[in-house]
Amino acid sequence: MQRIRLRYTKRGRLRFTSHRDFQRAFERALRRAEVPMAYSAGFTPHPKVSYANAAPTGTGSEAEYLEIALTEHRDPDELRELLDESLPGGLDITDAVEVRTSGLADRLTASVWELRLDGVDVEDASKAVSAFLAAETVEVQRKTKNGMRTFDARAAVADLQALHPQSDRSGDGPCAILRLVVRHVTPAVRPDDVLSGLQAVTDLAPPVPAAVTRLAQGLFHEESGTVTDPLAPDREAVPAALPTAAGAAVATAPQGPAA
């Protein structure tokens, strides 16, 4: 059995697809691309697909990850192209590597998010960011399936910056970009929780909903404060050596009588 890890995106209007919507679209893509999938046992077999830490519905992402199991060997790059062609635009397969290490989920310890706040001055956003980072705790509330829950949104935030938009859109009104690094903790702290925290400390309230995009997720490096590529260990690992035809022949050749 061969296992392949894939990186995919949710862009544009496809950011509003739920995780279940993506699962259905991806399984259709597997069938269209005629991928030799391995299936689970039981009365209702399912293709062996493992999803890792999917982004919330309504948020875009450049860094979603999943793993598939195959019954036949396939070249990861060719497989990526076939699957990408079989998915709708916006759900794009951007990387594929053969699994050579364990623990992909263990390497997803933090995410880098970008929040576009239209109608908010960068100066106001900077003041809110400073007040948020200076606070020891910032309690926010979120409605869960078990009712309202109160938790600290500050402890999970490793970095938070207010930036000017890269593109010049003069005449469109003020706009601030928040760049946010959040550790994956329990309970999970989402970008909208951080926005609630900014409002709690300084009354910062964007006039329109923020456009949220996950730029990266991976292992958080404490010293540099960066988030590393979770597929890099698989890409850099040395593949297991396969026996050559000559070696196999030598191994299977009958031995002559000893001299």
C-alpha atoms as a PDB file:
ATOM      1  CA  MET A   1       0.000   0.000   0.000  1.00  0.00           C
ATOM      2  CA  GLN A   2       1.312   3.444  -0.950  1.00  0.00           C
ATOM      3  CA  ARG A   3       0.317   6.574   0.967  1.00  0.00           C
ATOM      4  CA  ILE A   4       0.341  10.092  -0.465  1.00  0.00           C
ATOM      5  CA  ARG A   5      -0.008  13.382   1.415  1.00  0.00           C
ATOM      6  CA  LEU A   6      -1.648  16.285  -0.391  1.00  0.00           C
ATOM      7  CA  ARG A   7      -1.861  20.018   0.201  1.00  0.00           C
ATOM      8  CA  TYR A   8      -4.950  21.769  -1.141  1.00  0.00           C
ATOM      9  CA  THR A   9      -6.591  25.194  -1.117  1.00  0.00           C
ATOM     10  CA  LYS A  10     -10.006  26.782  -0.620  1.00  0.00           C
ATOM     11  CA  ARG A  11     -10.099  29.997  -2.646  1.00  0.00           C
ATOM     12  CA  GLY A  12     -12.660  32.551  -3.745  1.00  0.00           C
ATOM     13  CA  ARG A  13     -16.277  31.494  -3.380  1.00  0.00           C
ATOM     14  CA  LEU A  14     -15.164  27.950  -2.530  1.00  0.00           C
ATOM     15  CA  ARG A  15     -14.185  29.222   0.927  1.00  0.00           C
ATOM     16  CA  PHE A  16     -17.872  28.846   1.801  1.00  0.00           C
ATOM     17  CA  THR A  17     -17.844  25.086   1.191  1.00  0.00           C
ATOM     18  CA  SER A  18     -18.130  23.025   4.336  1.00  0.00           C
ATOM     19  CA  HIS A  19     -15.693  20.226   5.129  1.00  0.00           C
ATOM     20  CA  ARG A  20     -18.379  17.696   4.182  1.00  0.00           C
ATOM     21  CA  ASP A  21     -18.864  19.453   0.832  1.00  0.00           C
ATOM     22  CA  PHE A  22     -15.149  19.169   0.164  1.00  0.00           C
ATOM     23  CA  GLN A  23     -15.149  15.486   1.117  1.00  0.00           C
ATOM     24  CA  ARG A  24     -17.858  14.764  -1.450  1.00  0.00           C
ATOM     25  CA  ALA A  25     -16.080  16.791  -4.142  1.00  0.00           C
ATOM     26  CA  PHE A  26     -12.757  15.087  -3.406  1.00  0.00           C
ATOM     27  CA  GLU A  27     -14.217  11.570  -3.536  1.00  0.00           C
ATOM     28  CA  ARG A  28     -15.785  12.394  -6.910  1.00  0.00           C
ATOM     29  CA  ALA A  29     -12.384  13.640  -8.089  1.00  0.00           C
ATOM     30  CA  LEU A  30     -10.801  10.341  -6.988  1.00  0.00           C
ATOM     31  CA  ARG A  31     -13.289   8.430  -9.131  1.00  0.00           C
ATOM     32  CA  ARG A  32     -12.870  10.739 -12.153  1.00  0.00           C
ATOM     33  CA  ALA A  33      -9.091  10.469 -11.965  1.00  0.00           C
ATOM     34  CA  GLU A  34      -9.361   6.664 -11.587  1.00  0.00           C
ATOM     35  CA  VAL A  35      -7.105   6.679  -8.550  1.00  0.00           C
ATOM     36  CA  PRO A  36      -6.521   3.092  -7.269  1.00  0.00           C
ATOM     37  CA  MET A  37      -7.790   3.803  -3.761  1.00  0.00           C
ATOM     38  CA  ALA A  38      -7.539   1.445  -0.820  1.00  0.00           C
ATOM     39  CA  TYR A  39     -10.879   0.967   0.958  1.00  0.00           C
ATOM     40  CA  SER A  40     -11.876   0.299   4.526  1.00  0.00           C
ATOM     41  CA  ALA A  41     -13.336  -3.064   5.514  1.00  0.00           C
ATOM     42  CA  GLY A  42     -16.935  -3.670   6.595  1.00  0.00           C
ATOM     43  CA  PHE A  43     -20.408  -3.480   5.080  1.00  0.00           C
ATOM     44  CA  THR A  44     -19.956   0.094   3.775  1.00  0.00           C
ATOM     45  CA  PRO A  45     -16.354   0.437   2.563  1.00  0.00           C
ATOM     46  CA  HIS A  46     -15.013   3.976   2.230  1.00  0.00           C
ATOM     47  CA  PRO A  47     -11.876   5.205   0.488  1.00  0.00           C
ATOM     48  CA  LYS A  48      -9.018   5.558   2.953  1.00  0.00           C
ATOM     49  CA  VAL A  49      -8.704   9.336   3.222  1.00  0.00           C
ATOM     50  CA  SER A  50      -7.474  11.063   6.391  1.00  0.00           C
ATOM     51  CA  TYR A  51      -8.154  14.799   6.791  1.00  0.00           C
ATOM     52  CA  ALA A  52      -6.108  16.972   9.136  1.00  0.00           C
ATOM     53  CA  ASN A  53      -7.353  20.087  10.931  1.00  0.00           C
ATOM     54  CA  ALA A  54      -9.717  21.484   8.298  1.00  0.00           C
ATOM     55  CA  ALA A  55     -10.363  25.242   8.229  1.00  0.00           C
ATOM     56  CA  PRO A  56     -13.778  26.509   9.390  1.00  0.00           C
ATOM     57  CA  THR A  57     -16.500  27.081   6.804  1.00  0.00           C
ATOM     58  CA  GLY A  58     -16.313  30.600   5.380  1.00  0.00           C
ATOM     59  CA  THR A  59     -12.548  30.952   5.680  1.00  0.00           C
ATOM     60  CA  GLY A  60     -10.173  30.652   2.765  1.00  0.00           C
ATOM     61  CA  SER A  61      -7.029  28.568   2.977  1.00  0.00           C
ATOM     62  CA  GLU A  62      -3.774  28.023   1.146  1.00  0.00           C
ATOM     63  CA  ALA A  63      -2.709  25.165   3.411  1.00  0.00           C
ATOM     64  CA  GLU A  64      -5.139  22.293   3.971  1.00  0.00           C
ATOM     65  CA  TYR A  65      -3.802  18.737   4.240  1.00  0.00           C
ATOM     66  CA  LEU A  66      -5.009  15.184   3.735  1.00  0.00           C
ATOM     67  CA  GLU A  67      -3.575  11.713   3.231  1.00  0.00           C
ATOM     68  CA  ILE A  68      -4.765   8.936   0.916  1.00  0.00           C
ATOM     69  CA  ALA A  69      -3.880   5.239   0.679  1.00  0.00           C
ATOM     70  CA  LEU A  70      -3.457   3.527  -2.706  1.00  0.00           C
ATOM     71  CA  THR A  71      -3.379  -0.106  -3.751  1.00  0.00           C
ATOM     72  CA  GLU A  72      -0.985   0.613  -6.638  1.00  0.00           C
ATOM     73  CA  HIS A  73       2.071   2.836  -6.855  1.00  0.00           C
ATOM     74  CA  ARG A  74       1.578   6.260  -8.470  1.00  0.00           C
ATOM     75  CA  ASP A  75       3.920   9.184  -9.078  1.00  0.00           C
ATOM     76  CA  PRO A  76       2.904  11.933  -6.606  1.00  0.00           C
ATOM     77  CA  ASP A  77       3.293  14.776  -9.131  1.00  0.00           C
ATOM     78  CA  GLU A  78       1.227  13.019 -11.796  1.00  0.00           C
ATOM     79  CA  LEU A  79      -1.417  12.153  -9.221  1.00  0.00           C
ATOM     80  CA  ARG A  80      -1.555  15.782  -8.082  1.00  0.00           C
ATOM     81  CA  GLU A  81      -2.164  16.977 -11.651  1.00  0.00           C
ATOM     82  CA  LEU A  82      -4.923  14.413 -12.257  1.00  0.00           C
ATOM     83  CA  LEU A  83      -6.746  15.285  -9.043  1.00  0.00           C
ATOM     84  CA  ASP A  84      -6.329  19.028  -9.590  1.00  0.00           C
ATOM     85  CA  GLU A  85      -7.930  18.728 -13.041  1.00  0.00           C
ATOM     86  CA  SER A  86     -10.840  16.771 -11.528  1.00  0.00           C
ATOM     87  CA  LEU A  87     -11.676  19.350  -8.830  1.00  0.00           C
ATOM     88  CA  PRO A  88     -13.533  22.654  -9.335  1.00  0.00           C
ATOM     89  CA  GLY A  89     -11.434  25.819  -9.549  1.00  0.00           C
ATOM     90  CA  GLY A  90     -10.718  27.143  -6.077  1.00  0.00           C
ATOM     91  CA  LEU A  91     -10.233  23.663  -4.647  1.00  0.00           C
ATOM     92  CA  ASP A  92      -6.702  23.227  -5.947  1.00  0.00           C
ATOM     93  CA  ILE A  93      -4.165  20.503  -5.178  1.00  0.00           C
ATOM     94  CA  THR A  94      -0.883  22.373  -4.834  1.00  0.00           C
ATOM     95  CA  ASP A  95       1.531  19.754  -3.488  1.00  0.00           C
ATOM     96  CA  ALA A  96       1.884  15.988  -3.170  1.00  0.00           C
ATOM     97  CA  VAL A  97       4.529  13.829  -1.501  1.00  0.00           C
ATOM     98  CA  GLU A  98       4.872  10.140  -0.767  1.00  0.00           C
ATOM     99  CA  VAL A  99       4.582   9.353   2.928  1.00  0.00           C
ATOM    100  CA  ARG A 100       8.006   8.518   4.331  1.00  0.00           C
ATOM    101  CA  THR A 101       7.566   9.696   7.926  1.00  0.00           C
ATOM    102  CA  SER A 102       4.874   9.335  10.562  1.00  0.00           C
ATOM    103  CA  GLY A 103       2.899  11.917  12.469  1.00  0.00           C
ATOM    104  CA  LEU A 104       1.536  14.492  10.010  1.00  0.00           C
ATOM    105  CA  ALA A 105      -1.105  15.600  12.530  1.00  0.00           C
ATOM    106  CA  ASP A 106       1.602  16.031  15.170  1.00  0.00           C
ATOM    107  CA  ARG A 107       3.363  18.516  12.854  1.00  0.00           C
ATOM    108  CA  LEU A 108       0.283  20.743  12.567  1.00  0.00           C
ATOM    109  CA  THR A 109       0.778  22.725  15.759  1.00  0.00           C
ATOM    110  CA  ALA A 110       0.093  26.286  14.542  1.00  0.00           C
ATOM    111  CA  SER A 111      -1.505  28.288  11.729  1.00  0.00           C
ATOM    112  CA  VAL A 112      -0.706  31.592  10.049  1.00  0.00           C
ATOM    113  CA  TRP A 113      -3.853  33.593   9.292  1.00  0.00           C
ATOM    114  CA  GLU A 114      -4.501  36.788   7.359  1.00  0.00           C
ATOM    115  CA  LEU A 115      -7.557  38.886   8.220  1.00  0.00           C
ATOM    116  CA  ARG A 116      -8.613  41.701   5.913  1.00  0.00           C
ATOM    117  CA  LEU A 117     -10.492  44.391   7.838  1.00  0.00           C
ATOM    118  CA  ASP A 118     -12.180  46.709   5.343  1.00  0.00           C
ATOM    119  CA  GLY A 119     -13.291  49.984   6.864  1.00  0.00           C
ATOM    120  CA  VAL A 120     -10.646  49.874   9.621  1.00  0.00           C
ATOM    121  CA  ASP A 121      -7.648  52.260   9.775  1.00  0.00           C
ATOM    122  CA  VAL A 122      -4.280  50.601  10.244  1.00  0.00           C
ATOM    123  CA  GLU A 123      -3.566  52.980  13.145  1.00  0.00           C
ATOM    124  CA  ASP A 124      -6.716  51.854  14.981  1.00  0.00           C
ATOM    125  CA  ALA A 125      -5.889  48.213  14.292  1.00  0.00           C
ATOM    126  CA  SER A 126      -2.327  48.731  15.602  1.00  0.00           C
ATOM    127  CA  LYS A 127      -3.621  50.211  18.867  1.00  0.00           C
ATOM    128  CA  ALA A 128      -5.971  47.264  19.314  1.00  0.00           C
ATOM    129  CA  VAL A 129      -3.167  44.789  18.576  1.00  0.00           C
ATOM    130  CA  SER A 130      -0.890  46.454  21.151  1.00  0.00           C
ATOM    131  CA  ALA A 131      -3.599  46.335  23.814  1.00  0.00           C
ATOM    132  CA  PHE A 132      -4.353  42.681  23.013  1.00  0.00           C
ATOM    133  CA  LEU A 133      -0.701  41.611  23.212  1.00  0.00           C
ATOM    134  CA  ALA A 134      -0.161  43.553  26.437  1.00  0.00           C
ATOM    135  CA  ALA A 135      -3.007  41.747  28.186  1.00  0.00           C
ATOM    136  CA  GLU A 136      -2.229  38.626  30.215  1.00  0.00           C
ATOM    137  CA  THR A 137      -5.608  37.105  29.358  1.00  0.00           C
ATOM    138  CA  VAL A 138      -8.410  38.096  26.991  1.00  0.00           C
ATOM    139  CA  GLU A 139     -11.610  36.218  27.708  1.00  0.00           C
ATOM    140  CA  VAL A 140     -14.066  35.712  24.867  1.00  0.00           C
ATOM    141  CA  GLN A 141     -17.261  33.744  24.459  1.00  0.00           C
ATOM    142  CA  ARG A 142     -18.307  31.413  21.671  1.00  0.00           C
ATOM    143  CA  LYS A 143     -21.455  29.391  21.232  1.00  0.00           C
ATOM    144  CA  THR A 144     -20.767  25.659  21.012  1.00  0.00           C
ATOM    145  CA  LYS A 145     -23.011  22.617  20.745  1.00  0.00           C
ATOM    146  CA  ASN A 146     -22.922  22.499  24.554  1.00  0.00           C
ATOM    147  CA  GLY A 147     -23.915  26.157  24.922  1.00  0.00           C
ATOM    148  CA  MET A 148     -21.888  29.332  25.476  1.00  0.00           C
ATOM    149  CA  ARG A 149     -18.272  28.772  26.454  1.00  0.00           C
ATOM    150  CA  THR A 150     -15.813  31.310  27.871  1.00  0.00           C
ATOM    151  CA  PHE A 151     -12.081  30.865  27.244  1.00  0.00           C
ATOM    152  CA  ASP A 152      -8.830  32.807  26.914  1.00  0.00           C
ATOM    153  CA  ALA A 153      -8.007  33.903  23.365  1.00  0.00           C
ATOM    154  CA  ARG A 154      -4.661  35.489  24.282  1.00  0.00           C
ATOM    155  CA  ALA A 155      -2.539  32.503  25.326  1.00  0.00           C
ATOM    156  CA  ALA A 156      -2.763  30.768  21.945  1.00  0.00           C
ATOM    157  CA  VAL A 157      -1.614  33.822  19.965  1.00  0.00           C
ATOM    158  CA  ALA A 158       2.115  33.594  19.215  1.00  0.00           C
ATOM    159  CA  ASP A 159       2.234  36.689  17.003  1.00  0.00           C
ATOM    160  CA  LEU A 160      -0.153  39.424  15.847  1.00  0.00           C
ATOM    161  CA  GLN A 161       0.616  42.360  13.556  1.00  0.00           C
ATOM    162  CA  ALA A 162      -1.391  45.123  11.885  1.00  0.00           C
ATOM    163  CA  LEU A 163      -0.184  45.843   8.346  1.00  0.00           C
ATOM    164  CA  HIS A 164      -1.060  48.001   5.380  1.00  0.00           C
ATOM    165  CA  PRO A 165      -2.575  46.190   2.364  1.00  0.00           C
ATOM    166  CA  GLN A 166       0.051  45.257  -0.220  1.00  0.00           C
ATOM    167  CA  SER A 167      -2.088  46.509  -3.111  1.00  0.00           C
ATOM    168  CA  ASP A 168      -2.817  50.220  -3.513  1.00  0.00           C
ATOM    169  CA  ARG A 169      -6.581  50.627  -3.406  1.00  0.00           C
ATOM    170  CA  SER A 170      -6.829  54.351  -2.761  1.00  0.00           C
ATOM    171  CA  GLY A 171     -10.394  55.579  -2.900  1.00  0.00           C
ATOM    172  CA  ASP A 172     -11.843  52.315  -1.580  1.00  0.00           C
ATOM    173  CA  GLY A 173     -11.721  53.470   2.027  1.00  0.00           C
ATOM    174  CA  PRO A 174      -9.470  52.421   4.906  1.00  0.00           C
ATOM    175  CA  CYS A 175      -8.292  48.840   5.247  1.00  0.00           C
ATOM    176  CA  ALA A 176      -6.058  46.997   7.717  1.00  0.00           C
ATOM    177  CA  ILE A 177      -4.483  43.570   7.386  1.00  0.00           C
ATOM    178  CA  LEU A 178      -3.955  41.466  10.490  1.00  0.00           C
ATOM    179  CA  ARG A 179      -1.243  38.786  10.299  1.00  0.00           C
ATOM    180  CA  LEU A 180      -1.841  36.240  13.027  1.00  0.00           C
ATOM    181  CA  VAL A 181       0.020  33.138  14.238  1.00  0.00           C
ATOM    182  CA  VAL A 182      -2.118  30.915  16.450  1.00  0.00           C
ATOM    183  CA  ARG A 183      -1.048  27.764  18.227  1.00  0.00           C
ATOM    184  CA  HIS A 184      -3.404  24.800  17.939  1.00  0.00           C
ATOM    185  CA  VAL A 185      -4.622  24.353  21.505  1.00  0.00           C
ATOM    186  CA  THR A 186      -7.680  22.985  23.272  1.00  0.00           C
ATOM    187  CA  PRO A 187     -10.144  24.619  23.129  1.00  0.00           C
ATOM    188  CA  ALA A 188      -9.211  25.779  19.633  1.00  0.00           C
ATOM    189  CA  VAL A 189      -8.771  29.526  19.178  1.00  0.00           C
ATOM    190  CA  ARG A 190     -10.057  30.698  15.794  1.00  0.00           C
ATOM    191  CA  PRO A 191      -9.447  33.991  13.986  1.00  0.00           C
ATOM    192  CA  ASP A 192     -12.941  35.218  14.853  1.00  0.00           C
ATOM    193  CA  ASP A 193     -12.138  34.604  18.535  1.00  0.00           C
ATOM    194  CA  VAL A 194      -9.141  36.923  18.217  1.00  0.00           C
ATOM    195  CA  LEU A 195     -11.362  39.536  16.578  1.00  0.00           C
ATOM    196  CA  SER A 196     -13.741  39.207  19.518  1.00  0.00           C
ATOM    197  CA  GLY A 197     -10.746  39.700  21.813  1.00  0.00           C
ATOM    198  CA  LEU A 198      -9.678  42.851  19.981  1.00  0.00           C
ATOM    199  CA  GLN A 199     -13.190  44.205  20.367  1.00  0.00           C
ATOM    200  CA  ALA A 200     -13.153  43.313  24.062  1.00  0.00           C
ATOM    201  CA  VAL A 201      -9.944  45.240  24.800  1.00  0.00           C
ATOM    202  CA  THR A 202     -10.447  48.320  22.563  1.00  0.00           C
ATOM    203  CA  ASP A 203     -13.959  48.180  21.043  1.00  0.00           C
ATOM    204  CA  LEU A 204     -12.458  47.537  17.599  1.00  0.00           C
ATOM    205  CA  ALA A 205     -15.421  46.456  15.465  1.00  0.00           C
ATOM    206  CA  PRO A 206     -15.005  46.163  11.660  1.00  0.00           C
ATOM    207  CA  PRO A 207     -18.090  47.519   9.820  1.00  0.00           C
ATOM    208  CA  VAL A 208     -18.111  44.480   7.514  1.00  0.00           C
ATOM    209  CA  PRO A 209     -17.152  40.830   8.192  1.00  0.00           C
ATOM    210  CA  ALA A 210     -13.430  40.152   7.944  1.00  0.00           C
ATOM    211  CA  ALA A 211     -12.088  38.163   4.994  1.00  0.00           C
ATOM    212  CA  VAL A 212     -10.076  35.381   6.631  1.00  0.00           C
ATOM    213  CA  THR A 213      -7.460  33.216   4.900  1.00  0.00           C
ATOM    214  CA  ARG A 214      -5.134  30.587   6.331  1.00  0.00           C
ATOM    215  CA  LEU A 215      -1.733  31.125   4.730  1.00  0.00           C
ATOM    216  CA  ALA A 216       0.129  28.225   6.322  1.00  0.00           C
ATOM    217  CA  GLN A 217      -0.035  25.585   8.997  1.00  0.00           C
ATOM    218  CA  GLY A 218       2.651  23.345  10.353  1.00  0.00           C
ATOM    219  CA  LEU A 219       5.114  22.914  13.190  1.00  0.00           C
ATOM    220  CA  PHE A 220       5.653  26.087  15.216  1.00  0.00           C
ATOM    221  CA  HIS A 221       9.325  26.951  15.708  1.00  0.00           C
ATOM    222  CA  GLU A 222       9.569  28.664  19.088  1.00  0.00           C
ATOM    223  CA  GLU A 223      12.915  30.404  18.534  1.00  0.00           C
ATOM    224  CA  SER A 224      12.139  31.960  15.145  1.00  0.00           C
ATOM    225  CA  GLY A 225       8.374  32.248  15.610  1.00  0.00           C
ATOM    226  CA  THR A 226       7.807  30.703  12.172  1.00  0.00           C
ATOM    227  CA  VAL A 227       5.552  27.890  10.989  1.00  0.00           C
ATOM    228  CA  THR A 228       7.385  25.225   8.996  1.00  0.00           C
ATOM    229  CA  ASP A 229       6.197  23.164   6.025  1.00  0.00           C
ATOM    230  CA  PRO A 230       4.715  19.896   7.397  1.00  0.00           C
ATOM    231  CA  LEU A 231       5.479  18.026   4.159  1.00  0.00           C
ATOM    232  CA  ALA A 232       9.188  18.886   4.223  1.00  0.00           C
ATOM    233  CA  PRO A 233      10.211  15.844   6.333  1.00  0.00           C
ATOM    234  CA  ASP A 234       8.602  13.489   3.787  1.00  0.00           C
ATOM    235  CA  ARG A 235      10.168  15.358   0.882  1.00  0.00           C
ATOM    236  CA  GLU A 236      13.621  15.297   2.474  1.00  0.00           C
ATOM    237  CA  ALA A 237      13.549  11.719   3.777  1.00  0.00           C
ATOM    238  CA  VAL A 238      15.603   9.189   1.867  1.00  0.00           C
ATOM    239  CA  PRO A 239      13.281   6.690   0.139  1.00  0.00           C
ATOM    240  CA  ALA A 240      13.687   3.038   0.977  1.00  0.00           C
ATOM    241  CA  ALA A 241      16.040   1.371  -1.482  1.00  0.00           C
ATOM    242  CA  LEU A 242      14.364  -1.040  -3.871  1.00  0.00           C
ATOM    243  CA  PRO A 243      16.269  -4.167  -5.032  1.00  0.00           C
ATOM    244  CA  THR A 244      17.718  -3.765  -8.521  1.00  0.00           C
ATOM    245  CA  ALA A 245      17.048  -6.335 -11.214  1.00  0.00           C
ATOM    246  CA  ALA A 246      20.657  -7.483 -11.056  1.00  0.00           C
ATOM    247  CA  GLY A 247      20.556  -7.706  -7.286  1.00  0.00           C
ATOM    248  CA  ALA A 248      17.320  -9.683  -7.405  1.00  0.00           C
ATOM    249  CA  ALA A 249      18.842 -12.046  -9.951  1.00  0.00           C
ATOM    250  CA  VAL A 250      21.884 -12.604  -7.779  1.00  0.00           C
ATOM    251  CA  ALA A 251      19.694 -13.179  -4.770  1.00  0.00           C
ATOM    252  CA  THR A 252      17.534 -15.762  -6.521  1.00  0.00           C
ATOM    253  CA  ALA A 253      20.175 -17.483  -8.640  1.00  0.00           C
ATOM    254  CA  PRO A 254      20.786 -21.136  -7.683  1.00  0.00           C
ATOM    255  CA  GLN A 255      24.075 -21.679  -5.943  1.00  0.00           C
ATOM    256  CA  GLY A 256      26.592 -23.972  -7.585  1.00  0.00           C
ATOM    257  CA  PRO A 257      28.603 -26.624  -5.734  1.00  0.00           C
ATOM    258  CA  ALA A 258      31.263 -25.278  -3.419  1.00  0.00           C
ATOM    259  CA  ALA A 259      34.792 -25.229  -4.814  1.00  0.00           C
END
